Amino acid sequence: QVQLVESGGGLVQAGGSLRLSCAASGRTFSSYNMGWFRQTPGKERESVAAVTWNGGRIYYADSVKGRFTIARDNGKNTVYLQMNSLKPEDTAIYYCAATRDSSRLTARNAYDYWGQGTQVTVSS
């Protein structure tokens, strides 16, 4: 089992920045591929960014490319999402997720473990 806890969400003005953190339990964090997803009311949960267990492959949604950065620190069992130049359309609940399957990193059904989510609200 893996437990994931997100933190770092909050209120920010358009153009501002936030850094989300996801702390993982257990001793095998380094073997998991990690992803960030987000969801707003009435929409499906969508992939934002993902990174493989060894950092060899990184993916970003087109909507956040150039503004968001995913990083992981296996020594701290933590994955981060640095969000810059935030826009009102980035407003969502952001979720951290973990999977052993590296073949479908942007598919929510590929992920076995999820955090509780953290709210990000960007004002215009």
C-alpha atoms as a PDB file:
ATOM      1  CA  GLN A   1       0.000   0.000   0.000  1.00  0.00           C
ATOM      2  CA  VAL A   2       0.966   3.595  -0.673  1.00  0.00           C
ATOM      3  CA  GLN A   3      -0.486   6.624   1.079  1.00  0.00           C
ATOM      4  CA  LEU A   4      -0.191  10.033  -0.577  1.00  0.00           C
ATOM      5  CA  VAL A   5      -0.800  13.422   1.041  1.00  0.00           C
ATOM      6  CA  GLU A   6      -0.862  16.646  -0.978  1.00  0.00           C
ATOM      7  CA  SER A   7      -0.178  20.103   0.400  1.00  0.00           C
ATOM      8  CA  GLY A   8       0.540  23.604  -0.844  1.00  0.00           C
ATOM      9  CA  GLY A   9      -2.761  24.584  -2.421  1.00  0.00           C
ATOM     10  CA  GLY A  10      -4.430  27.901  -1.754  1.00  0.00           C
ATOM     11  CA  LEU A  11      -5.526  31.223  -3.202  1.00  0.00           C
ATOM     12  CA  VAL A  12      -3.339  33.140  -5.629  1.00  0.00           C
ATOM     13  CA  GLN A  13      -3.792  35.987  -8.097  1.00  0.00           C
ATOM     14  CA  ALA A  14      -3.416  35.438 -11.819  1.00  0.00           C
ATOM     15  CA  GLY A  15       0.251  35.492 -12.728  1.00  0.00           C
ATOM     16  CA  GLY A  16       1.317  34.199  -9.345  1.00  0.00           C
ATOM     17  CA  SER A  17       2.967  30.948  -8.308  1.00  0.00           C
ATOM     18  CA  LEU A  18       2.368  27.979  -6.034  1.00  0.00           C
ATOM     19  CA  ARG A  19       4.320  24.824  -5.279  1.00  0.00           C
ATOM     20  CA  LEU A  20       2.394  21.663  -4.509  1.00  0.00           C
ATOM     21  CA  SER A  21       3.987  18.824  -2.571  1.00  0.00           C
ATOM     22  CA  CYS A  22       2.990  15.172  -2.346  1.00  0.00           C
ATOM     23  CA  ALA A  23       4.434  13.122   0.492  1.00  0.00           C
ATOM     24  CA  ALA A  24       4.362   9.340   0.079  1.00  0.00           C
ATOM     25  CA  SER A  25       4.490   6.668   2.728  1.00  0.00           C
ATOM     26  CA  GLY A  26       6.365   3.409   2.517  1.00  0.00           C
ATOM     27  CA  ARG A  27       9.842   2.290   1.574  1.00  0.00           C
ATOM     28  CA  THR A  28       9.342   1.738  -2.165  1.00  0.00           C
ATOM     29  CA  PHE A  29       8.526   5.243  -3.397  1.00  0.00           C
ATOM     30  CA  SER A  30      11.389   5.140  -5.875  1.00  0.00           C
ATOM     31  CA  SER A  31       9.761   2.247  -7.759  1.00  0.00           C
ATOM     32  CA  TYR A  32       6.591   4.220  -8.588  1.00  0.00           C
ATOM     33  CA  ASN A  33       5.809   6.493 -11.473  1.00  0.00           C
ATOM     34  CA  MET A  34       4.135   9.651 -10.204  1.00  0.00           C
ATOM     35  CA  GLY A  35       1.527  11.920 -11.720  1.00  0.00           C
ATOM     36  CA  TRP A  36      -0.393  15.097 -11.004  1.00  0.00           C
ATOM     37  CA  PHE A  37      -4.038  15.381 -12.089  1.00  0.00           C
ATOM     38  CA  ARG A  38      -6.652  18.077 -11.667  1.00  0.00           C
ATOM     39  CA  GLN A  39     -10.430  18.217 -11.700  1.00  0.00           C
ATOM     40  CA  THR A  40     -13.108  20.919 -11.774  1.00  0.00           C
ATOM     41  CA  PRO A  41     -16.874  20.469 -11.325  1.00  0.00           C
ATOM     42  CA  GLY A  42     -18.490  18.947 -14.392  1.00  0.00           C
ATOM     43  CA  LYS A  43     -15.213  17.877 -15.984  1.00  0.00           C
ATOM     44  CA  GLU A  44     -13.237  14.648 -16.004  1.00  0.00           C
ATOM     45  CA  ARG A  45     -10.055  14.381 -14.024  1.00  0.00           C
ATOM     46  CA  GLU A  46      -7.220  15.258 -16.392  1.00  0.00           C
ATOM     47  CA  SER A  47      -3.502  14.637 -16.420  1.00  0.00           C
ATOM     48  CA  VAL A  48      -1.319  17.662 -15.712  1.00  0.00           C
ATOM     49  CA  ALA A  49       2.171  16.171 -15.453  1.00  0.00           C
ATOM     50  CA  ALA A  50       3.910  12.862 -14.812  1.00  0.00           C
ATOM     51  CA  VAL A  51       7.392  11.521 -14.156  1.00  0.00           C
ATOM     52  CA  THR A  52       8.734   7.967 -14.295  1.00  0.00           C
ATOM     53  CA  TRP A  53      10.377   6.297 -11.320  1.00  0.00           C
ATOM     54  CA  ASN A  54      13.882   7.175 -12.468  1.00  0.00           C
ATOM     55  CA  GLY A  55      13.027  10.581 -13.893  1.00  0.00           C
ATOM     56  CA  GLY A  56      13.801   9.395 -17.403  1.00  0.00           C
ATOM     57  CA  ARG A  57      10.469  10.444 -18.909  1.00  0.00           C
ATOM     58  CA  ILE A  58       8.461  13.562 -18.074  1.00  0.00           C
ATOM     59  CA  TYR A  59       5.090  14.573 -19.512  1.00  0.00           C
ATOM     60  CA  TYR A  60       3.129  17.816 -19.394  1.00  0.00           C
ATOM     61  CA  ALA A  61      -0.309  18.705 -20.636  1.00  0.00           C
ATOM     62  CA  ASP A  62      -0.186  21.244 -23.446  1.00  0.00           C
ATOM     63  CA  SER A  63      -2.180  23.662 -21.319  1.00  0.00           C
ATOM     64  CA  VAL A  64       0.564  23.865 -18.675  1.00  0.00           C
ATOM     65  CA  LYS A  65       3.714  23.303 -20.721  1.00  0.00           C
ATOM     66  CA  GLY A  66       6.245  26.025 -20.058  1.00  0.00           C
ATOM     67  CA  ARG A  67       4.517  27.106 -16.846  1.00  0.00           C
ATOM     68  CA  PHE A  68       4.489  24.000 -14.620  1.00  0.00           C
ATOM     69  CA  THR A  69       7.403  21.808 -13.585  1.00  0.00           C
ATOM     70  CA  ILE A  70       7.227  18.354 -12.008  1.00  0.00           C
ATOM     71  CA  ALA A  71      10.113  17.075  -9.910  1.00  0.00           C
ATOM     72  CA  ARG A  72      10.721  14.228  -7.489  1.00  0.00           C
ATOM     73  CA  ASP A  73      13.059  13.658  -4.595  1.00  0.00           C
ATOM     74  CA  ASN A  74      13.204   9.934  -3.937  1.00  0.00           C
ATOM     75  CA  GLY A  75      15.311  10.472  -0.847  1.00  0.00           C
ATOM     76  CA  LYS A  76      12.436  12.460   0.688  1.00  0.00           C
ATOM     77  CA  ASN A  77       9.634  10.317  -0.786  1.00  0.00           C
ATOM     78  CA  THR A  78       8.164  13.492  -2.251  1.00  0.00           C
ATOM     79  CA  VAL A  79       7.015  14.739  -5.642  1.00  0.00           C
ATOM     80  CA  TYR A  80       6.485  18.434  -6.398  1.00  0.00           C
ATOM     81  CA  LEU A  81       4.544  20.508  -8.873  1.00  0.00           C
ATOM     82  CA  GLN A  82       5.867  24.032  -9.312  1.00  0.00           C
ATOM     83  CA  MET A  83       3.162  26.187 -10.885  1.00  0.00           C
ATOM     84  CA  ASN A  84       4.119  29.564 -12.345  1.00  0.00           C
ATOM     85  CA  SER A  85       2.201  32.171 -14.344  1.00  0.00           C
ATOM     86  CA  LEU A  86      -1.059  30.817 -12.990  1.00  0.00           C
ATOM     87  CA  LYS A  87      -4.295  31.501 -14.855  1.00  0.00           C
ATOM     88  CA  PRO A  88      -7.913  31.415 -13.647  1.00  0.00           C
ATOM     89  CA  GLU A  89      -8.461  28.299 -15.768  1.00  0.00           C
ATOM     90  CA  ASP A  90      -5.892  26.497 -13.611  1.00  0.00           C
ATOM     91  CA  THR A  91      -8.401  26.601 -10.745  1.00  0.00           C
ATOM     92  CA  ALA A  92      -9.103  22.996  -9.736  1.00  0.00           C
ATOM     93  CA  ILE A  93      -8.552  20.331  -7.138  1.00  0.00           C
ATOM     94  CA  TYR A  94      -5.102  18.887  -7.742  1.00  0.00           C
ATOM     95  CA  TYR A  95      -4.392  15.223  -7.016  1.00  0.00           C
ATOM     96  CA  CYS A  96      -1.174  13.293  -6.667  1.00  0.00           C
ATOM     97  CA  ALA A  97      -1.158   9.680  -7.888  1.00  0.00           C
ATOM     98  CA  ALA A  98       1.188   6.689  -8.103  1.00  0.00           C
ATOM     99  CA  THR A  99       1.417   3.731 -10.487  1.00  0.00           C
ATOM    100  CA  ARG A 100       3.791   0.890 -11.270  1.00  0.00           C
ATOM    101  CA  ASP A 101       2.651   1.013 -14.909  1.00  0.00           C
ATOM    102  CA  SER A 102       4.864   3.245 -17.033  1.00  0.00           C
ATOM    103  CA  SER A 103       2.935   2.618 -20.260  1.00  0.00           C
ATOM    104  CA  ARG A 104      -0.043   4.946 -19.656  1.00  0.00           C
ATOM    105  CA  LEU A 105       1.205   7.813 -17.545  1.00  0.00           C
ATOM    106  CA  THR A 106      -1.514  10.256 -18.621  1.00  0.00           C
ATOM    107  CA  ALA A 107      -4.451   7.870 -18.087  1.00  0.00           C
ATOM    108  CA  ARG A 108      -6.187   8.174 -14.737  1.00  0.00           C
ATOM    109  CA  ASN A 109      -7.239   4.512 -14.804  1.00  0.00           C
ATOM    110  CA  ALA A 110      -3.579   3.479 -14.829  1.00  0.00           C
ATOM    111  CA  TYR A 111      -3.034   4.866 -11.332  1.00  0.00           C
ATOM    112  CA  ASP A 112      -3.540   2.684  -8.274  1.00  0.00           C
ATOM    113  CA  TYR A 113      -3.058   5.197  -5.465  1.00  0.00           C
ATOM    114  CA  TRP A 114      -4.391   8.719  -5.013  1.00  0.00           C
ATOM    115  CA  GLY A 115      -4.068  11.511  -2.515  1.00  0.00           C
ATOM    116  CA  GLN A 116      -7.015  13.398  -1.062  1.00  0.00           C
ATOM    117  CA  GLY A 117      -6.518  16.434  -3.283  1.00  0.00           C
ATOM    118  CA  THR A 118      -5.634  20.046  -2.593  1.00  0.00           C
ATOM    119  CA  GLN A 119      -7.595  23.066  -3.822  1.00  0.00           C
ATOM    120  CA  VAL A 120      -5.930  25.647  -6.055  1.00  0.00           C
ATOM    121  CA  THR A 121      -7.892  28.822  -6.761  1.00  0.00           C
ATOM    122  CA  VAL A 122      -6.585  31.511  -9.118  1.00  0.00           C
ATOM    123  CA  SER A 123      -8.369  34.863  -9.066  1.00  0.00           C
ATOM    124  CA  SER A 124      -8.659  37.071 -12.133  1.00  0.00           C
END
